[in-house]
Amino acid sequence: MQVLHLALKAVDGNYVELRYFVDNPNQYERRSLPLSEVEDLIGLAERDYYVSSFPEDYTVTGRRLYNWLDGSDRWLQSLLDKYRREGVVLAINTGFVKTQIFV
């Protein structure tokens, strides 16, 4: 079974970097994602699960998150297909770490 590690890291005021790797954390791939999209997804989750009297079906939320992560180039689907026979576990780091550079 392969473990696919995903983590978000703040890189500037408007974007976060999605870092992902399978075996070696020092050999990660990266994607730049607009921070506004992350905030929109958080807002939807808060509305659908904390405010609404009729919570959204988890599969709808899961598909929304998957499609957002996968993007138009389908990088996540390609990676999942690569390890389909072995099985894949997603390890998602939700500890959003904001770094600052002082000059």
C-alpha atoms as a PDB file:
ATOM      1  CA  MET A   1       0.000   0.000   0.000  1.00  0.00           C
ATOM      2  CA  GLN A   2       1.357   3.422  -0.962  1.00  0.00           C
ATOM      3  CA  VAL A   3       0.913   6.514   1.178  1.00  0.00           C
ATOM      4  CA  LEU A   4       0.397   9.776  -0.700  1.00  0.00           C
ATOM      5  CA  HIS A   5       1.262  12.717   1.550  1.00  0.00           C
ATOM      6  CA  LEU A   6      -0.420  16.087   0.906  1.00  0.00           C
ATOM      7  CA  ALA A   7       0.346  19.342   2.719  1.00  0.00           C
ATOM      8  CA  LEU A   8      -0.465  23.022   2.213  1.00  0.00           C
ATOM      9  CA  LYS A   9       2.146  25.676   2.907  1.00  0.00           C
ATOM     10  CA  ALA A  10       1.589  29.431   2.739  1.00  0.00           C
ATOM     11  CA  VAL A  11       4.011  31.028   0.277  1.00  0.00           C
ATOM     12  CA  ASP A  12       2.629  34.541  -0.107  1.00  0.00           C
ATOM     13  CA  GLY A  13      -0.499  36.519   0.625  1.00  0.00           C
ATOM     14  CA  ASN A  14      -2.562  35.177  -2.272  1.00  0.00           C
ATOM     15  CA  TYR A  15      -1.342  31.622  -2.837  1.00  0.00           C
ATOM     16  CA  VAL A  16      -0.573  28.430  -0.993  1.00  0.00           C
ATOM     17  CA  GLU A  17       1.684  25.673  -2.171  1.00  0.00           C
ATOM     18  CA  LEU A  18       0.332  22.136  -2.249  1.00  0.00           C
ATOM     19  CA  ARG A  19       3.245  19.769  -1.679  1.00  0.00           C
ATOM     20  CA  TYR A  20       2.846  16.070  -2.300  1.00  0.00           C
ATOM     21  CA  PHE A  21       5.113  13.036  -2.258  1.00  0.00           C
ATOM     22  CA  VAL A  22       4.945   9.269  -2.044  1.00  0.00           C
ATOM     23  CA  ASP A  23       8.190   7.989  -0.522  1.00  0.00           C
ATOM     24  CA  ASN A  24      10.640  10.763   0.227  1.00  0.00           C
ATOM     25  CA  PRO A  25       9.502  14.070   1.784  1.00  0.00           C
ATOM     26  CA  ASN A  26      12.571  15.747   0.291  1.00  0.00           C
ATOM     27  CA  GLN A  27      11.419  14.816  -3.213  1.00  0.00           C
ATOM     28  CA  TYR A  28       8.029  16.446  -3.316  1.00  0.00           C
ATOM     29  CA  GLU A  29       6.064  17.872  -6.212  1.00  0.00           C
ATOM     30  CA  ARG A  30       4.312  21.197  -5.833  1.00  0.00           C
ATOM     31  CA  ARG A  31       1.322  23.062  -7.142  1.00  0.00           C
ATOM     32  CA  SER A  32       0.351  26.666  -6.550  1.00  0.00           C
ATOM     33  CA  LEU A  33      -3.251  27.182  -5.423  1.00  0.00           C
ATOM     34  CA  PRO A  34      -5.109  30.467  -4.926  1.00  0.00           C
ATOM     35  CA  LEU A  35      -5.722  31.114  -1.238  1.00  0.00           C
ATOM     36  CA  SER A  36      -9.185  32.427  -2.137  1.00  0.00           C
ATOM     37  CA  GLU A  37     -10.163  28.926  -3.340  1.00  0.00           C
ATOM     38  CA  VAL A  38      -9.031  27.393  -0.043  1.00  0.00           C
ATOM     39  CA  GLU A  39     -11.048  30.009   1.843  1.00  0.00           C
ATOM     40  CA  ASP A  40     -14.106  29.297  -0.355  1.00  0.00           C
ATOM     41  CA  LEU A  41     -13.906  25.563   0.423  1.00  0.00           C
ATOM     42  CA  ILE A  42     -13.600  26.273   4.143  1.00  0.00           C
ATOM     43  CA  GLY A  43     -16.622  28.577   3.932  1.00  0.00           C
ATOM     44  CA  LEU A  44     -18.675  25.902   2.164  1.00  0.00           C
ATOM     45  CA  ALA A  45     -17.713  23.285   4.753  1.00  0.00           C
ATOM     46  CA  GLU A  46     -18.618  25.608   7.618  1.00  0.00           C
ATOM     47  CA  ARG A  47     -21.953  26.424   6.015  1.00  0.00           C
ATOM     48  CA  ASP A  48     -22.762  22.819   5.097  1.00  0.00           C
ATOM     49  CA  TYR A  49     -21.817  21.218   8.421  1.00  0.00           C
ATOM     50  CA  TYR A  50     -21.995  23.841  11.160  1.00  0.00           C
ATOM     51  CA  VAL A  51     -24.746  26.256  10.128  1.00  0.00           C
ATOM     52  CA  SER A  52     -27.228  24.282   8.048  1.00  0.00           C
ATOM     53  CA  SER A  53     -30.017  22.241   9.597  1.00  0.00           C
ATOM     54  CA  PHE A  54     -29.600  19.846   6.671  1.00  0.00           C
ATOM     55  CA  PRO A  55     -25.909  18.958   6.358  1.00  0.00           C
ATOM     56  CA  GLU A  56     -24.482  18.256   2.918  1.00  0.00           C
ATOM     57  CA  ASP A  57     -23.889  14.610   2.009  1.00  0.00           C
ATOM     58  CA  TYR A  58     -20.233  13.766   2.712  1.00  0.00           C
ATOM     59  CA  THR A  59     -19.815  12.264  -0.762  1.00  0.00           C
ATOM     60  CA  VAL A  60     -20.757  15.609  -2.335  1.00  0.00           C
ATOM     61  CA  THR A  61     -18.164  17.397  -0.222  1.00  0.00           C
ATOM     62  CA  GLY A  62     -15.568  14.704  -0.931  1.00  0.00           C
ATOM     63  CA  ARG A  63     -16.121  14.952  -4.687  1.00  0.00           C
ATOM     64  CA  ARG A  64     -15.897  18.744  -4.547  1.00  0.00           C
ATOM     65  CA  LEU A  65     -12.578  18.574  -2.683  1.00  0.00           C
ATOM     66  CA  TYR A  66     -11.225  15.824  -4.951  1.00  0.00           C
ATOM     67  CA  ASN A  67     -12.115  17.701  -8.152  1.00  0.00           C
ATOM     68  CA  TRP A  68     -10.552  20.880  -6.788  1.00  0.00           C
ATOM     69  CA  LEU A  69      -7.331  19.079  -5.846  1.00  0.00           C
ATOM     70  CA  ASP A  70      -7.202  17.130  -9.118  1.00  0.00           C
ATOM     71  CA  GLY A  71      -7.516  20.277 -11.212  1.00  0.00           C
ATOM     72  CA  SER A  72      -7.889  20.424 -14.971  1.00  0.00           C
ATOM     73  CA  ASP A  73      -4.689  18.457 -15.600  1.00  0.00           C
ATOM     74  CA  ARG A  74      -5.895  15.488 -13.513  1.00  0.00           C
ATOM     75  CA  TRP A  75      -2.587  15.049 -11.637  1.00  0.00           C
ATOM     76  CA  LEU A  76      -4.193  13.352  -8.640  1.00  0.00           C
ATOM     77  CA  GLN A  77      -6.119  10.840 -10.747  1.00  0.00           C
ATOM     78  CA  SER A  78      -2.920   9.963 -12.623  1.00  0.00           C
ATOM     79  CA  LEU A  79      -1.108   9.341  -9.341  1.00  0.00           C
ATOM     80  CA  LEU A  80      -3.954   7.228  -7.964  1.00  0.00           C
ATOM     81  CA  ASP A  81      -4.063   5.215 -11.196  1.00  0.00           C
ATOM     82  CA  LYS A  82      -0.321   4.557 -10.912  1.00  0.00           C
ATOM     83  CA  TYR A  83      -0.755   2.832  -7.533  1.00  0.00           C
ATOM     84  CA  ARG A  84      -4.240   1.400  -8.028  1.00  0.00           C
ATOM     85  CA  ARG A  85      -3.147  -2.251  -7.730  1.00  0.00           C
ATOM     86  CA  GLU A  86      -1.307  -1.626  -4.452  1.00  0.00           C
ATOM     87  CA  GLY A  87      -3.902   0.677  -2.963  1.00  0.00           C
ATOM     88  CA  VAL A  88      -3.383   4.261  -1.837  1.00  0.00           C
ATOM     89  CA  VAL A  89      -3.771   5.953   1.535  1.00  0.00           C
ATOM     90  CA  LEU A  90      -4.059   9.745   1.558  1.00  0.00           C
ATOM     91  CA  ALA A  91      -2.205  11.383   4.451  1.00  0.00           C
ATOM     92  CA  ILE A  92      -3.418  14.974   4.516  1.00  0.00           C
ATOM     93  CA  ASN A  93      -1.583  17.477   6.687  1.00  0.00           C
ATOM     94  CA  THR A  94      -4.203  19.976   7.777  1.00  0.00           C
ATOM     95  CA  GLY A  95      -1.812  22.006   9.910  1.00  0.00           C
ATOM     96  CA  PHE A  96      -1.760  25.130   7.754  1.00  0.00           C
ATOM     97  CA  VAL A  97       1.574  26.718   8.576  1.00  0.00           C
ATOM     98  CA  LYS A  98       2.008  30.334   7.632  1.00  0.00           C
ATOM     99  CA  THR A  99       5.627  31.393   7.323  1.00  0.00           C
ATOM    100  CA  GLN A 100       6.969  34.913   7.306  1.00  0.00           C
ATOM    101  CA  ILE A 101      10.223  36.186   5.922  1.00  0.00           C
ATOM    102  CA  PHE A 102      11.803  39.100   7.750  1.00  0.00           C
ATOM    103  CA  VAL A 103      14.278  41.221   5.833  1.00  0.00           C
END
